[in-house]
Protein backbone atom coordinates (compact mmCIF):
# COMPACT_ATOMS: atom_id res chain seq x y z
CA UNK A 1 0.00 0.00 0.00
CA UNK A 2 1.28 3.40 -0.81
CA UNK A 3 0.52 7.01 -0.14
CA UNK A 4 2.34 7.72 -3.40
CA UNK A 5 -0.18 5.52 -5.24
CA UNK A 6 -3.01 7.52 -3.69
CA UNK A 7 -1.35 10.71 -4.93
CA UNK A 8 -1.03 9.15 -8.40
CA UNK A 9 -4.71 8.20 -8.38
CA UNK A 10 -5.71 11.75 -7.51
CA UNK A 11 -3.42 13.13 -10.21
CA UNK A 12 -4.98 10.80 -12.81
CA UNK A 13 -8.34 12.55 -12.44
CA UNK A 14 -6.93 15.45 -14.47
CA UNK A 15 -6.57 13.17 -17.51
CA UNK A 16 -9.49 10.81 -16.84
CA UNK A 17 -12.92 12.46 -16.86
CA UNK A 18 -14.64 9.26 -15.72
CA UNK A 19 -12.32 8.98 -12.71
CA UNK A 20 -12.84 12.66 -11.92
CA UNK A 21 -16.61 12.11 -11.91
CA UNK A 22 -16.28 9.06 -9.67
CA UNK A 23 -14.04 10.91 -7.22
CA UNK A 24 -16.47 13.84 -7.13
CA UNK A 25 -19.08 11.53 -5.59
CA UNK A 26 -19.02 10.52 -1.92
CA UNK A 27 -16.94 7.34 -1.69
CA UNK A 28 -16.16 4.90 1.04
CA UNK A 29 -12.59 3.84 1.64
CA UNK A 30 -13.23 0.44 0.04
CA UNK A 31 -14.62 2.06 -3.12
CA UNK A 32 -11.60 4.35 -3.33
CA UNK A 33 -9.28 1.37 -2.96
CA UNK A 34 -11.16 -0.45 -5.73
CA UNK A 35 -10.82 2.55 -8.06
CA UNK A 36 -7.08 2.52 -7.40
CA UNK A 37 -6.80 -1.23 -7.94
CA UNK A 38 -8.62 -0.94 -11.28
CA UNK A 39 -5.79 1.34 -12.38
CA UNK A 40 -2.99 -0.87 -11.10
CA UNK A 41 -2.42 1.15 -7.94
CA UNK A 42 -2.32 -0.19 -4.41
CA UNK A 43 -4.12 2.02 -1.90
CA UNK A 44 -5.32 0.98 1.54
CA UNK A 45 -7.15 2.48 4.49
CA UNK A 46 -3.85 3.42 6.16
CA UNK A 47 -2.93 5.45 3.06
CA UNK A 48 -6.21 7.36 3.19
CA UNK A 49 -5.68 8.14 6.88
CA UNK A 50 -2.09 9.22 6.23
CA UNK A 51 -3.28 11.54 3.45
CA UNK A 52 -5.86 13.08 5.78
CA UNK A 53 -3.21 13.65 8.44
CA UNK A 54 -0.89 15.17 5.85
CA UNK A 55 -3.60 17.61 4.74
CA UNK A 56 -4.50 18.55 8.31
CA UNK A 57 -0.85 19.24 9.11
CA UNK A 58 -0.88 21.90 6.38
CA UNK A 59 -3.80 23.81 7.93
CA UNK A 60 -3.36 26.83 10.13
CA UNK A 61 -4.55 26.80 13.74
CA UNK A 62 -7.55 28.94 12.76
CA UNK A 63 -8.51 26.60 9.93
CA UNK A 64 -8.31 23.62 12.28
CA UNK A 65 -10.54 25.39 14.82
CA UNK A 66 -13.08 26.20 12.09
CA UNK A 67 -13.11 22.57 11.00
CA UNK A 68 -13.70 21.38 14.58
CA UNK A 69 -16.55 23.88 14.96
CA UNK A 70 -18.20 22.66 11.75
CA UNK A 71 -17.93 19.05 12.87
CA UNK A 72 -19.42 19.93 16.26
CA UNK A 73 -22.39 21.64 14.58
CA UNK A 74 -23.00 18.61 12.37
CA UNK A 75 -22.81 16.28 15.35
CA UNK A 76 -25.27 18.40 17.36
CA UNK A 77 -27.68 18.42 14.42
CA UNK A 78 -27.33 14.66 13.98
CA UNK A 79 -27.89 13.93 17.68
CA UNK A 80 -30.98 16.14 17.84
CA UNK A 81 -32.28 14.34 14.82
PDB file of N, CA and C in Angstrom:
ATOM      1  N   UNK A   1       0.849  -1.169   0.000  1.00  0.00           N
ATOM      2  CA  UNK A   1       0.000   0.000   0.000  1.00  0.00           C
ATOM      3  C   UNK A   1       0.893   1.229   0.000  1.00  0.00           C
ATOM      4  N   UNK A   2       0.381   2.285  -0.596  1.00  0.00           N
ATOM      5  CA  UNK A   2       1.281   3.397  -0.809  1.00  0.00           C
ATOM      6  C   UNK A   2       0.551   4.725  -0.872  1.00  0.00           C
ATOM      7  N   UNK A   3       1.035   5.653  -0.085  1.00  0.00           N
ATOM      8  CA  UNK A   3       0.522   7.013  -0.138  1.00  0.00           C
ATOM      9  C   UNK A   3       0.841   7.627  -1.505  1.00  0.00           C
ATOM     10  N   UNK A   4       1.970   7.228  -2.064  1.00  0.00           N
ATOM     11  CA  UNK A   4       2.340   7.721  -3.398  1.00  0.00           C
ATOM     12  C   UNK A   4       1.327   7.250  -4.450  1.00  0.00           C
ATOM     13  N   UNK A   5       0.839   6.007  -4.307  1.00  0.00           N
ATOM     14  CA  UNK A   5      -0.175   5.515  -5.242  1.00  0.00           C
ATOM     15  C   UNK A   5      -1.474   6.301  -5.102  1.00  0.00           C
ATOM     16  N   UNK A   6      -1.813   6.697  -3.886  1.00  0.00           N
ATOM     17  CA  UNK A   6      -3.006   7.519  -3.687  1.00  0.00           C
ATOM     18  C   UNK A   6      -2.822   8.865  -4.371  1.00  0.00           C
ATOM     19  N   UNK A   7      -1.639   9.449  -4.235  1.00  0.00           N
ATOM     20  CA  UNK A   7      -1.348  10.715  -4.927  1.00  0.00           C
ATOM     21  C   UNK A   7      -1.439  10.543  -6.440  1.00  0.00           C
ATOM     22  N   UNK A   8      -0.947   9.409  -6.954  1.00  0.00           N
ATOM     23  CA  UNK A   8      -1.028   9.148  -8.402  1.00  0.00           C
ATOM     24  C   UNK A   8      -2.478   9.034  -8.850  1.00  0.00           C
ATOM     25  N   UNK A   9      -3.290   8.349  -8.053  1.00  0.00           N
ATOM     26  CA  UNK A   9      -4.712   8.201  -8.383  1.00  0.00           C
ATOM     27  C   UNK A   9      -5.372   9.568  -8.468  1.00  0.00           C
ATOM     28  N   UNK A  10      -5.107  10.421  -7.503  1.00  0.00           N
ATOM     29  CA  UNK A  10      -5.711  11.751  -7.505  1.00  0.00           C
ATOM     30  C   UNK A  10      -5.210  12.597  -8.674  1.00  0.00           C
ATOM     31  N   UNK A  11      -3.961  12.400  -9.063  1.00  0.00           N
ATOM     32  CA  UNK A  11      -3.419  13.127 -10.210  1.00  0.00           C
ATOM     33  C   UNK A  11      -4.036  12.638 -11.520  1.00  0.00           C
ATOM     34  N   UNK A  12      -4.397  11.358 -11.586  1.00  0.00           N
ATOM     35  CA  UNK A  12      -4.985  10.797 -12.806  1.00  0.00           C
ATOM     36  C   UNK A  12      -6.332  11.421 -13.156  1.00  0.00           C
ATOM     37  N   UNK A  13      -7.012  11.981 -12.157  1.00  0.00           N
ATOM     38  CA  UNK A  13      -8.339  12.554 -12.439  1.00  0.00           C
ATOM     39  C   UNK A  13      -8.265  13.735 -13.393  1.00  0.00           C
ATOM     40  N   UNK A  14      -7.093  14.345 -13.533  1.00  0.00           N
ATOM     41  CA  UNK A  14      -6.926  15.451 -14.475  1.00  0.00           C
ATOM     42  C   UNK A  14      -7.070  14.954 -15.907  1.00  0.00           C
ATOM     43  N   UNK A  15      -6.553  13.750 -16.170  1.00  0.00           N
ATOM     44  CA  UNK A  15      -6.572  13.173 -17.512  1.00  0.00           C
ATOM     45  C   UNK A  15      -7.797  12.303 -17.773  1.00  0.00           C
ATOM     46  N   UNK A  16      -8.421  11.799 -16.721  1.00  0.00           N
ATOM     47  CA  UNK A  16      -9.488  10.806 -16.835  1.00  0.00           C
ATOM     48  C   UNK A  16     -10.801  11.391 -16.315  1.00  0.00           C
ATOM     49  N   UNK A  17     -11.654  11.824 -17.241  1.00  0.00           N
ATOM     50  CA  UNK A  17     -12.922  12.463 -16.856  1.00  0.00           C
ATOM     51  C   UNK A  17     -13.827  11.513 -16.077  1.00  0.00           C
ATOM     52  N   UNK A  18     -13.813  10.237 -16.436  1.00  0.00           N
ATOM     53  CA  UNK A  18     -14.642   9.255 -15.721  1.00  0.00           C
ATOM     54  C   UNK A  18     -14.175   9.123 -14.275  1.00  0.00           C
ATOM     55  N   UNK A  19     -12.869   9.054 -14.064  1.00  0.00           N
ATOM     56  CA  UNK A  19     -12.321   8.975 -12.713  1.00  0.00           C
ATOM     57  C   UNK A  19     -12.653  10.247 -11.941  1.00  0.00           C
ATOM     58  N   UNK A  20     -12.526  11.387 -12.576  1.00  0.00           N
ATOM     59  CA  UNK A  20     -12.844  12.658 -11.917  1.00  0.00           C
ATOM     60  C   UNK A  20     -14.298  12.667 -11.447  1.00  0.00           C
ATOM     61  N   UNK A  21     -15.196  12.169 -12.286  1.00  0.00           N
ATOM     62  CA  UNK A  21     -16.612  12.112 -11.913  1.00  0.00           C
ATOM     63  C   UNK A  21     -16.834  11.155 -10.752  1.00  0.00           C
ATOM     64  N   UNK A  22     -16.144  10.032 -10.757  1.00  0.00           N
ATOM     65  CA  UNK A  22     -16.276   9.059  -9.668  1.00  0.00           C
ATOM     66  C   UNK A  22     -15.744   9.633  -8.362  1.00  0.00           C
ATOM     67  N   UNK A  23     -14.626  10.339  -8.424  1.00  0.00           N
ATOM     68  CA  UNK A  23     -14.035  10.915  -7.222  1.00  0.00           C
ATOM     69  C   UNK A  23     -14.833  12.111  -6.705  1.00  0.00           C
ATOM     70  N   UNK A  24     -15.646  12.712  -7.560  1.00  0.00           N
ATOM     71  CA  UNK A  24     -16.473  13.840  -7.133  1.00  0.00           C
ATOM     72  C   UNK A  24     -17.658  13.381  -6.287  1.00  0.00           C
ATOM     73  N   UNK A  25     -17.978  12.095  -6.372  1.00  0.00           N
ATOM     74  CA  UNK A  25     -19.078  11.527  -5.588  1.00  0.00           C
ATOM     75  C   UNK A  25     -18.559  11.083  -4.222  1.00  0.00           C
ATOM     76  N   UNK A  26     -19.438  11.068  -3.219  1.00  0.00           N
ATOM     77  CA  UNK A  26     -19.015  10.524  -1.924  1.00  0.00           C
ATOM     78  C   UNK A  26     -18.624   9.053  -2.074  1.00  0.00           C
ATOM     79  N   UNK A  27     -17.456   8.701  -1.588  1.00  0.00           N
ATOM     80  CA  UNK A  27     -16.945   7.336  -1.695  1.00  0.00           C
ATOM     81  C   UNK A  27     -16.543   6.822  -0.326  1.00  0.00           C
ATOM     82  N   UNK A  28     -16.725   5.548  -0.130  1.00  0.00           N
ATOM     83  CA  UNK A  28     -16.163   4.896   1.036  1.00  0.00           C
ATOM     84  C   UNK A  28     -14.719   4.538   0.747  1.00  0.00           C
ATOM     85  N   UNK A  29     -13.995   4.195   1.796  1.00  0.00           N
ATOM     86  CA  UNK A  29     -12.587   3.841   1.635  1.00  0.00           C
ATOM     87  C   UNK A  29     -12.441   2.637   0.710  1.00  0.00           C
ATOM     88  N   UNK A  30     -13.313   1.647   0.878  1.00  0.00           N
ATOM     89  CA  UNK A  30     -13.227   0.445   0.044  1.00  0.00           C
ATOM     90  C   UNK A  30     -13.430   0.788  -1.431  1.00  0.00           C
ATOM     91  N   UNK A  31     -14.376   1.661  -1.724  1.00  0.00           N
ATOM     92  CA  UNK A  31     -14.621   2.062  -3.115  1.00  0.00           C
ATOM     93  C   UNK A  31     -13.411   2.795  -3.691  1.00  0.00           C
ATOM     94  N   UNK A  32     -12.792   3.636  -2.883  1.00  0.00           N
ATOM     95  CA  UNK A  32     -11.600   4.349  -3.333  1.00  0.00           C
ATOM     96  C   UNK A  32     -10.468   3.369  -3.629  1.00  0.00           C
ATOM     97  N   UNK A  33     -10.312   2.389  -2.757  1.00  0.00           N
ATOM     98  CA  UNK A  33      -9.280   1.368  -2.961  1.00  0.00           C
ATOM     99  C   UNK A  33      -9.549   0.569  -4.233  1.00  0.00           C
ATOM    100  N   UNK A  34     -10.800   0.280  -4.509  1.00  0.00           N
ATOM    101  CA  UNK A  34     -11.164  -0.454  -5.731  1.00  0.00           C
ATOM    102  C   UNK A  34     -10.876   0.373  -6.975  1.00  0.00           C
ATOM    103  N   UNK A  35     -11.143   1.681  -6.927  1.00  0.00           N
ATOM    104  CA  UNK A  35     -10.819   2.552  -8.065  1.00  0.00           C
ATOM    105  C   UNK A  35      -9.313   2.528  -8.326  1.00  0.00           C
ATOM    106  N   UNK A  36      -8.539   2.565  -7.258  1.00  0.00           N
ATOM    107  CA  UNK A  36      -7.078   2.525  -7.400  1.00  0.00           C
ATOM    108  C   UNK A  36      -6.634   1.187  -7.997  1.00  0.00           C
ATOM    109  N   UNK A  37      -7.181   0.098  -7.470  1.00  0.00           N
ATOM    110  CA  UNK A  37      -6.796  -1.234  -7.941  1.00  0.00           C
ATOM    111  C   UNK A  37      -7.121  -1.410  -9.423  1.00  0.00           C
ATOM    112  N   UNK A  38      -8.226  -0.836  -9.866  1.00  0.00           N
ATOM    113  CA  UNK A  38      -8.616  -0.937 -11.276  1.00  0.00           C
ATOM    114  C   UNK A  38      -7.600  -0.246 -12.191  1.00  0.00           C
ATOM    115  N   UNK A  39      -6.802   0.631 -11.608  1.00  0.00           N
ATOM    116  CA  UNK A  39      -5.789   1.345 -12.376  1.00  0.00           C
ATOM    117  C   UNK A  39      -4.375   0.866 -12.046  1.00  0.00           C
ATOM    118  N   UNK A  40      -4.287  -0.288 -11.400  1.00  0.00           N
ATOM    119  CA  UNK A  40      -2.989  -0.873 -11.095  1.00  0.00           C
ATOM    120  C   UNK A  40      -2.273  -0.229  -9.926  1.00  0.00           C
ATOM    121  N   UNK A  41      -3.020   0.486  -9.090  1.00  0.00           N
ATOM    122  CA  UNK A  41      -2.422   1.151  -7.935  1.00  0.00           C
ATOM    123  C   UNK A  41      -2.860   0.444  -6.663  1.00  0.00           C
ATOM    124  N   UNK A  42      -2.020   0.488  -5.663  1.00  0.00           N
ATOM    125  CA  UNK A  42      -2.315  -0.194  -4.413  1.00  0.00           C
ATOM    126  C   UNK A  42      -2.514   0.856  -3.318  1.00  0.00           C
ATOM    127  N   UNK A  43      -3.764   1.042  -2.911  1.00  0.00           N
ATOM    128  CA  UNK A  43      -4.122   2.024  -1.896  1.00  0.00           C
ATOM    129  C   UNK A  43      -4.925   1.312  -0.826  1.00  0.00           C
ATOM    130  N   UNK A  44      -4.602   1.589   0.431  1.00  0.00           N
ATOM    131  CA  UNK A  44      -5.322   0.984   1.541  1.00  0.00           C
ATOM    132  C   UNK A  44      -5.843   2.045   2.501  1.00  0.00           C
ATOM    133  N   UNK A  45      -6.561   1.577   3.501  1.00  0.00           N
ATOM    134  CA  UNK A  45      -7.146   2.483   4.489  1.00  0.00           C
ATOM    135  C   UNK A  45      -6.068   3.310   5.184  1.00  0.00           C
ATOM    136  N   UNK A  46      -4.942   2.703   5.491  1.00  0.00           N
ATOM    137  CA  UNK A  46      -3.850   3.422   6.157  1.00  0.00           C
ATOM    138  C   UNK A  46      -3.347   4.577   5.291  1.00  0.00           C
ATOM    139  N   UNK A  47      -3.359   4.390   3.979  1.00  0.00           N
ATOM    140  CA  UNK A  47      -2.932   5.451   3.065  1.00  0.00           C
ATOM    141  C   UNK A  47      -3.902   6.625   3.088  1.00  0.00           C
ATOM    142  N   UNK A  48      -5.183   6.316   3.142  1.00  0.00           N
ATOM    143  CA  UNK A  48      -6.205   7.360   3.191  1.00  0.00           C
ATOM    144  C   UNK A  48      -6.059   8.153   4.486  1.00  0.00           C
ATOM    145  N   UNK A  49      -5.863   7.457   5.599  1.00  0.00           N
ATOM    146  CA  UNK A  49      -5.678   8.139   6.884  1.00  0.00           C
ATOM    147  C   UNK A  49      -4.407   8.984   6.885  1.00  0.00           C
ATOM    148  N   UNK A  50      -3.348   8.462   6.303  1.00  0.00           N
ATOM    149  CA  UNK A  50      -2.090   9.217   6.226  1.00  0.00           C
ATOM    150  C   UNK A  50      -2.268  10.476   5.376  1.00  0.00           C
ATOM    151  N   UNK A  51      -3.027  10.375   4.299  1.00  0.00           N
ATOM    152  CA  UNK A  51      -3.285  11.542   3.450  1.00  0.00           C
ATOM    153  C   UNK A  51      -4.101  12.584   4.201  1.00  0.00           C
ATOM    154  N   UNK A  52      -5.071  12.137   4.986  1.00  0.00           N
ATOM    155  CA  UNK A  52      -5.861  13.077   5.785  1.00  0.00           C
ATOM    156  C   UNK A  52      -4.976  13.784   6.806  1.00  0.00           C
ATOM    157  N   UNK A  53      -4.120  13.043   7.461  1.00  0.00           N
ATOM    158  CA  UNK A  53      -3.209  13.645   8.439  1.00  0.00           C
ATOM    159  C   UNK A  53      -2.262  14.629   7.761  1.00  0.00           C
ATOM    160  N   UNK A  54      -1.787  14.277   6.585  1.00  0.00           N
ATOM    161  CA  UNK A  54      -0.890  15.168   5.851  1.00  0.00           C
ATOM    162  C   UNK A  54      -1.587  16.486   5.522  1.00  0.00           C
ATOM    163  N   UNK A  55      -2.853  16.395   5.078  1.00  0.00           N
ATOM    164  CA  UNK A  55      -3.597  17.608   4.737  1.00  0.00           C
ATOM    165  C   UNK A  55      -3.878  18.450   5.970  1.00  0.00           C
ATOM    166  N   UNK A  56      -4.232  17.804   7.082  1.00  0.00           N
ATOM    167  CA  UNK A  56      -4.503  18.550   8.310  1.00  0.00           C
ATOM    168  C   UNK A  56      -3.250  19.229   8.839  1.00  0.00           C
ATOM    169  N   UNK A  57      -2.087  18.633   8.631  1.00  0.00           N
ATOM    170  CA  UNK A  57      -0.846  19.239   9.111  1.00  0.00           C
ATOM    171  C   UNK A  57      -0.515  20.521   8.349  1.00  0.00           C
ATOM    172  N   UNK A  58      -1.123  20.708   7.198  1.00  0.00           N
ATOM    173  CA  UNK A  58      -0.885  21.902   6.383  1.00  0.00           C
ATOM    174  C   UNK A  58      -1.823  23.052   6.744  1.00  0.00           C
ATOM    175  N   UNK A  59      -2.833  22.779   7.572  1.00  0.00           N
ATOM    176  CA  UNK A  59      -3.804  23.807   7.927  1.00  0.00           C
ATOM    177  C   UNK A  59      -3.286  24.680   9.059  1.00  0.00           C
ATOM    178  N   UNK A  60      -3.721  25.925   9.039  1.00  0.00           N
ATOM    179  CA  UNK A  60      -3.359  26.833  10.130  1.00  0.00           C
ATOM    180  C   UNK A  60      -4.200  26.490  11.366  1.00  0.00           C
ATOM    181  N   UNK A  61      -3.811  27.032  12.495  1.00  0.00           N
ATOM    182  CA  UNK A  61      -4.552  26.797  13.738  1.00  0.00           C
ATOM    183  C   UNK A  61      -6.000  27.275  13.593  1.00  0.00           C
ATOM    184  N   UNK A  62      -6.197  28.407  12.953  1.00  0.00           N
ATOM    185  CA  UNK A  62      -7.549  28.940  12.763  1.00  0.00           C
ATOM    186  C   UNK A  62      -8.378  28.011  11.868  1.00  0.00           C
ATOM    187  N   UNK A  63      -7.790  27.512  10.813  1.00  0.00           N
ATOM    188  CA  UNK A  63      -8.505  26.597   9.927  1.00  0.00           C
ATOM    189  C   UNK A  63      -8.893  25.317  10.659  1.00  0.00           C
ATOM    190  N   UNK A  64      -8.005  24.816  11.505  1.00  0.00           N
ATOM    191  CA  UNK A  64      -8.314  23.616  12.283  1.00  0.00           C
ATOM    192  C   UNK A  64      -9.465  23.881  13.248  1.00  0.00           C
ATOM    193  N   UNK A  65      -9.458  25.036  13.900  1.00  0.00           N
ATOM    194  CA  UNK A  65     -10.538  25.387  14.820  1.00  0.00           C
ATOM    195  C   UNK A  65     -11.867  25.508  14.088  1.00  0.00           C
ATOM    196  N   UNK A  66     -11.858  26.089  12.887  1.00  0.00           N
ATOM    197  CA  UNK A  66     -13.078  26.205  12.093  1.00  0.00           C
ATOM    198  C   UNK A  66     -13.600  24.825  11.713  1.00  0.00           C
ATOM    199  N   UNK A  67     -12.714  23.928  11.368  1.00  0.00           N
ATOM    200  CA  UNK A  67     -13.112  22.569  11.003  1.00  0.00           C
ATOM    201  C   UNK A  67     -13.752  21.858  12.200  1.00  0.00           C
ATOM    202  N   UNK A  68     -13.151  22.000  13.373  1.00  0.00           N
ATOM    203  CA  UNK A  68     -13.703  21.384  14.582  1.00  0.00           C
ATOM    204  C   UNK A  68     -15.086  21.952  14.877  1.00  0.00           C
ATOM    205  N   UNK A  69     -15.249  23.254  14.716  1.00  0.00           N
ATOM    206  CA  UNK A  69     -16.553  23.885  14.956  1.00  0.00           C
ATOM    207  C   UNK A  69     -17.606  23.357  13.987  1.00  0.00           C
ATOM    208  N   UNK A  70     -17.254  23.198  12.734  1.00  0.00           N
ATOM    209  CA  UNK A  70     -18.197  22.660  11.746  1.00  0.00           C
ATOM    210  C   UNK A  70     -18.603  21.240  12.096  1.00  0.00           C
ATOM    211  N   UNK A  71     -17.634  20.428  12.487  1.00  0.00           N
ATOM    212  CA  UNK A  71     -17.930  19.045  12.870  1.00  0.00           C
ATOM    213  C   UNK A  71     -18.836  19.006  14.094  1.00  0.00           C
ATOM    214  N   UNK A  72     -18.595  19.888  15.052  1.00  0.00           N
ATOM    215  CA  UNK A  72     -19.418  19.928  16.257  1.00  0.00           C
ATOM    216  C   UNK A  72     -20.852  20.302  15.920  1.00  0.00           C
ATOM    217  N   UNK A  73     -21.035  21.256  15.003  1.00  0.00           N
ATOM    218  CA  UNK A  73     -22.392  21.644  14.583  1.00  0.00           C
ATOM    219  C   UNK A  73     -23.103  20.472  13.903  1.00  0.00           C
ATOM    220  N   UNK A  74     -22.393  19.758  13.038  1.00  0.00           N
ATOM    221  CA  UNK A  74     -23.000  18.606  12.372  1.00  0.00           C
ATOM    222  C   UNK A  74     -23.392  17.530  13.368  1.00  0.00           C
ATOM    223  N   UNK A  75     -22.535  17.294  14.344  1.00  0.00           N
ATOM    224  CA  UNK A  75     -22.813  16.278  15.349  1.00  0.00           C
ATOM    225  C   UNK A  75     -24.028  16.671  16.190  1.00  0.00           C
ATOM    226  N   UNK A  76     -24.106  17.944  16.587  1.00  0.00           N
ATOM    227  CA  UNK A  76     -25.268  18.398  17.362  1.00  0.00           C
ATOM    228  C   UNK A  76     -26.540  18.216  16.552  1.00  0.00           C
ATOM    229  N   UNK A  77     -26.508  18.560  15.280  1.00  0.00           N
ATOM    230  CA  UNK A  77     -27.677  18.416  14.420  1.00  0.00           C
ATOM    231  C   UNK A  77     -28.074  16.943  14.291  1.00  0.00           C
ATOM    232  N   UNK A  78     -27.079  16.083  14.133  1.00  0.00           N
ATOM    233  CA  UNK A  78     -27.332  14.657  13.978  1.00  0.00           C
ATOM    234  C   UNK A  78     -27.946  14.080  15.250  1.00  0.00           C
ATOM    235  N   UNK A  79     -27.404  14.456  16.404  1.00  0.00           N
ATOM    236  CA  UNK A  79     -27.887  13.932  17.677  1.00  0.00           C
ATOM    237  C   UNK A  79     -29.324  14.373  17.929  1.00  0.00           C
ATOM    238  N   UNK A  80     -29.640  15.615  17.600  1.00  0.00           N
ATOM    239  CA  UNK A  80     -30.982  16.137  17.845  1.00  0.00           C
ATOM    240  C   UNK A  80     -31.985  15.575  16.842  1.00  0.00           C
ATOM    241  N   UNK A  81     -31.493  15.071  15.760  1.00  0.00           N
ATOM    242  CA  UNK A  81     -32.276  14.337  14.822  1.00  0.00           C
ATOM    243  C   UNK A  81     -33.129  15.072  13.909  1.00  0.00           C
TER     244      UNK A  81
END
